[in-house]
Protein backbone atom coordinates (compact mmCIF):
# COMPACT_ATOMS: atom_id res chain seq x y z
CA MET A 1 12.54 6.61 30.36
CA ARG A 2 8.89 6.92 30.24
CA THR A 3 6.65 3.85 31.06
CA ILE A 4 3.21 2.75 30.01
CA ALA A 5 2.09 3.66 33.58
CA ASP A 6 3.36 7.24 33.03
CA ASN A 7 1.52 7.51 29.67
CA ILE A 8 -1.70 6.34 31.21
CA ALA A 9 -1.30 8.76 34.20
CA GLU A 10 -0.66 11.73 31.61
CA ILE A 11 -3.83 10.61 29.48
CA ARG A 12 -5.94 10.70 32.70
CA ASN A 13 -4.74 14.04 33.49
CA ASN A 14 -5.56 15.34 30.04
CA ILE A 15 -8.92 13.66 30.39
CA GLU A 16 -9.73 15.75 33.56
CA ILE A 17 -8.63 19.04 31.99
CA ALA A 18 -10.74 18.39 28.75
CA ARG A 19 -13.73 17.25 30.87
CA LYS A 20 -13.90 20.48 32.64
CA LYS A 21 -14.45 22.18 29.11
CA SER A 22 -17.02 19.68 28.04
CA PRO A 23 -20.60 20.21 27.65
CA CYS A 24 -21.24 18.02 30.78
CA PRO A 25 -18.29 18.56 32.97
CA GLU A 26 -19.77 16.32 35.72
CA GLN A 27 -19.88 13.19 33.58
CA GLU A 28 -17.27 10.52 33.84
CA ILE A 29 -15.05 9.74 30.83
CA THR A 30 -14.45 5.99 30.02
CA LEU A 31 -10.95 5.32 28.50
CA VAL A 32 -10.59 2.20 26.41
CA ALA A 33 -6.98 1.25 25.80
CA VAL A 34 -6.61 -0.05 22.27
CA THR A 35 -4.34 -3.05 22.06
CA LYS A 36 -3.94 -3.43 18.38
CA MET A 37 -0.47 -4.94 17.38
CA HIS A 38 0.59 -4.87 21.05
CA SER A 39 1.94 -7.98 22.99
CA ALA A 40 0.51 -9.64 25.97
CA GLU A 41 3.47 -8.33 28.05
CA GLU A 42 2.69 -4.80 27.12
CA ILE A 43 -0.83 -5.31 27.99
CA HIS A 44 -0.19 -6.73 31.29
CA GLN A 45 1.70 -3.34 32.15
CA VAL A 46 -1.49 -1.54 31.10
CA LEU A 47 -3.39 -3.70 33.53
CA ALA A 48 -0.89 -3.19 36.31
CA ALA A 49 -1.41 0.60 35.87
CA GLY A 50 -5.12 0.04 36.72
CA GLN A 51 -6.41 0.28 33.20
CA THR A 52 -8.59 -2.84 32.85
CA LEU A 53 -10.90 -1.86 29.73
CA LEU A 54 -9.28 -3.01 26.61
CA GLY A 55 -10.42 -2.57 22.93
CA GLU A 56 -9.22 -4.75 20.09
CA ASN A 57 -9.68 -4.04 16.33
CA ARG A 58 -9.46 -7.57 14.93
CA VAL A 59 -11.21 -10.65 16.04
CA GLN A 60 -8.18 -12.95 15.60
CA GLU A 61 -5.92 -10.60 17.72
CA LEU A 62 -8.68 -10.53 20.25
CA LEU A 63 -8.84 -14.39 20.51
CA ASP A 64 -5.06 -14.62 20.75
CA LYS A 65 -4.80 -11.87 23.34
CA TYR A 66 -7.92 -13.15 25.39
CA GLU A 67 -6.09 -16.19 26.27
CA ALA A 68 -2.69 -14.82 26.80
CA VAL A 69 -3.69 -11.89 28.89
CA GLY A 70 -6.14 -13.89 31.05
CA GLU A 71 -8.17 -12.57 33.92
CA GLY A 72 -8.38 -9.03 35.02
CA ALA A 73 -9.15 -7.49 31.55
CA THR A 74 -12.68 -6.43 30.17
CA TRP A 75 -12.78 -6.37 26.41
CA HIS A 76 -14.53 -4.25 23.82
CA ILE A 77 -14.33 -4.97 19.95
CA ILE A 78 -13.88 -1.88 18.37
CA GLY A 79 -13.12 -2.57 14.80
CA HIS A 80 -15.14 -3.68 11.81
CA LEU A 81 -16.95 -6.83 12.62
CA GLN A 82 -18.09 -9.26 9.93
CA SER A 83 -20.99 -11.39 10.65
CA ASN A 84 -19.14 -14.65 10.33
CA LYS A 85 -16.95 -13.76 13.14
CA VAL A 86 -19.54 -12.93 15.56
CA LYS A 87 -19.64 -16.51 16.96
CA TYR A 88 -16.09 -16.13 18.20
CA ILE A 89 -16.56 -13.06 20.41
CA THR A 90 -20.07 -13.35 22.08
CA ASP A 91 -18.55 -14.84 25.17
CA LYS A 92 -15.44 -12.62 25.28
CA VAL A 93 -16.52 -9.15 25.05
CA VAL A 94 -18.87 -7.03 26.83
CA MET A 95 -19.41 -4.34 23.98
CA VAL A 96 -19.46 -4.15 20.21
CA HIS A 97 -18.57 -0.60 19.03
CA SER A 98 -19.06 -1.10 15.25
CA LEU A 99 -22.74 -2.19 14.64
CA GLU A 100 -23.67 -0.69 11.24
CA SER A 101 -25.53 -3.35 9.25
CA MET A 102 -28.72 -5.34 9.53
CA SER A 103 -26.75 -8.28 8.75
CA LEU A 104 -24.49 -7.86 11.67
CA ALA A 105 -27.43 -7.11 13.94
CA ASN A 106 -29.19 -10.23 12.76
CA GLU A 107 -26.45 -12.42 13.48
CA LEU A 108 -25.65 -10.88 16.90
CA SER A 109 -29.23 -11.11 17.84
CA SER A 110 -29.44 -14.74 16.91
CA ARG A 111 -26.15 -15.62 18.65
CA MET A 112 -26.95 -13.75 21.90
CA GLN A 113 -30.51 -15.32 21.98
CA SER A 114 -28.96 -18.77 21.81
CA LEU A 115 -26.84 -17.78 24.82
CA GLY A 116 -29.59 -16.22 26.81
CA LYS A 117 -27.58 -13.00 26.96
CA THR A 118 -27.70 -9.52 25.64
CA MET A 119 -24.81 -7.71 23.98
CA ASP A 120 -24.28 -3.95 24.51
CA CYS A 121 -23.63 -2.23 21.29
CA LEU A 122 -22.73 1.13 19.79
CA VAL A 123 -23.91 2.13 16.24
CA GLN A 124 -21.05 3.31 14.14
CA VAL A 125 -21.78 6.43 12.34
CA ASN A 126 -19.70 7.82 9.38
CA ILE A 127 -21.03 11.41 9.77
CA ALA A 128 -18.06 12.76 7.53
CA ASP A 129 -19.21 10.34 4.87
CA GLU A 130 -15.62 9.10 4.21
CA GLU A 131 -15.38 6.29 1.69
CA SER A 132 -12.62 4.50 3.33
CA LYS A 133 -14.50 4.07 6.64
CA PHE A 134 -17.47 1.90 7.73
CA GLY A 135 -20.42 3.30 9.43
CA LEU A 136 -23.99 4.56 8.70
CA GLU A 137 -24.72 7.85 7.07
CA LYS A 138 -26.27 10.35 9.37
CA ASP A 139 -29.78 9.98 7.78
CA ALA A 140 -29.70 6.44 8.26
CA VAL A 141 -28.91 6.15 11.92
CA ILE A 142 -32.34 6.86 13.53
CA PRO A 143 -34.30 4.43 11.19
CA PHE A 144 -31.46 1.85 12.05
CA ILE A 145 -31.81 2.10 15.62
CA GLU A 146 -35.55 1.97 15.63
CA LYS A 147 -35.24 -1.39 13.78
CA VAL A 148 -32.53 -2.92 15.92
CA SER A 149 -34.09 -1.76 19.12
CA GLN A 150 -36.76 -4.18 18.62
CA MET A 151 -34.29 -7.15 18.23
CA PRO A 152 -33.68 -9.37 21.18
CA GLY A 153 -30.26 -9.95 22.27
CA ILE A 154 -28.98 -6.48 21.50
CA ARG A 155 -28.97 -3.47 23.68
CA ILE A 156 -27.97 -0.23 21.98
CA LYS A 157 -25.99 1.99 24.36
CA GLY A 158 -24.91 4.84 22.08
CA LEU A 159 -22.97 5.87 19.17
CA MET A 160 -19.46 5.47 17.86
CA HIS A 161 -17.36 7.54 15.44
CA ILE A 162 -14.08 7.57 13.82
CA ALA A 163 -13.22 10.98 12.87
CA PRO A 164 -11.00 12.01 9.77
CA TYR A 165 -7.39 12.74 10.56
CA PHE A 166 -6.35 16.30 10.57
CA GLU A 167 -2.98 17.58 11.39
CA ASN A 168 -4.48 20.47 13.07
CA VAL A 169 -6.94 18.88 15.58
CA GLU A 170 -9.17 22.01 15.55
CA GLU A 171 -10.27 21.13 12.16
CA VAL A 172 -12.07 17.97 13.48
CA ARG A 173 -13.94 19.89 16.16
CA PRO A 174 -17.14 20.70 14.01
CA ILE A 175 -17.47 16.97 13.26
CA PHE A 176 -17.36 15.95 16.85
CA ARG A 177 -19.92 18.71 17.48
CA GLU A 178 -22.11 17.34 14.90
CA MET A 179 -21.91 13.89 16.45
CA TYR A 180 -22.67 15.26 19.65
CA GLY A 181 -25.86 16.92 18.30
CA LEU A 182 -26.92 13.67 16.68
CA PHE A 183 -26.42 11.76 19.99
CA ASN A 184 -28.54 14.35 21.76
CA GLU A 185 -31.31 14.16 19.12
CA ILE A 186 -31.58 10.41 19.54
CA LYS A 187 -31.47 10.56 23.31
CA ALA A 188 -34.55 13.00 23.15
CA LEU A 189 -36.49 10.56 21.18
CA ALA A 190 -36.41 8.07 24.05
CA ILE A 191 -36.59 5.08 21.70
CA PRO A 192 -37.86 2.17 23.86
CA GLY A 193 -35.08 -0.40 24.57
CA VAL A 194 -32.30 2.17 23.70
CA ASP A 195 -29.99 3.52 26.33
CA MET A 196 -28.36 6.44 24.72
CA ASP A 197 -25.59 6.64 27.34
CA VAL A 198 -22.29 6.32 25.45
CA LEU A 199 -20.66 8.62 22.79
CA SER A 200 -17.43 7.00 21.86
CA MET A 201 -15.24 9.25 19.64
CA GLY A 202 -11.73 10.45 19.83
CA MET A 203 -8.27 8.71 19.71
CA SER A 204 -4.74 9.41 20.47
CA HIS A 205 -4.37 12.34 18.15
CA ASP A 206 -7.74 14.13 19.04
CA TYR A 207 -9.22 12.64 22.31
CA GLN A 208 -8.95 16.03 24.04
CA VAL A 209 -11.13 17.77 21.55
CA ALA A 210 -13.59 14.93 21.38
CA ILE A 211 -14.11 15.13 25.06
CA GLU A 212 -14.46 18.89 24.88
CA GLU A 213 -17.14 18.47 22.29
CA GLY A 214 -19.13 15.82 24.32
CA ALA A 215 -17.50 12.37 24.06
CA ASN A 216 -17.73 10.31 27.13
CA MET A 217 -15.68 7.36 25.90
CA ILE A 218 -12.38 7.67 23.99
CA ARG A 219 -10.29 4.89 22.41
CA VAL A 220 -6.54 5.37 22.83
CA GLY A 221 -3.73 3.15 21.78
CA SER A 222 -0.48 4.69 20.43
CA SER A 223 -0.30 7.43 23.26
CA ILE A 224 -0.43 4.56 25.83
CA PHE A 225 2.32 2.36 24.27
CA ALA A 226 4.66 5.01 22.95
CA VAL A 227 7.69 4.26 25.32
């Protein structure tokens, strides 16, 4: 019978294989274990396997699990974040993956300033223009980053993308490639206050293709918990 530890080991092996085919084969790939709809007991098995970076989609689930899981975990919020929920997560997460509106940026900036801290953020890009997904259109990304980079309490660390689902994962490759191009374009601008270090894209179904096309952070859930 497979275990969560077995699944994580297999994913890490797949990461290494894909990394060697990526544009930057020397770079480290960060795995975020997505805990959506999974119990504290399951999450403790993830931690026991040495995977301590966790990502949660919903604020309420994060709050419930933060207490239940306890020490040893580092949390990212990876799902859509409403401005009125920011106050609940500022002291619990180290990165927000879904920054994609000025209203959210304003609230984050205000809350983090009041704490005397800075939140690492990824700008969510909807490069495929899917109506069902949040994120900025490609042409809006650079102007948005230029504005937010001047706001105290926020540090932009890179980009995040949720790719369309294709049964044949090769069909998503051009989209990942376009995201990598945008990532490098922004990095080349060297916008003051922006660290374009993280390109978060790829999930259970397509993370290997994402890495091959330049992702250095992946968000994997179902492949970890399928036991």
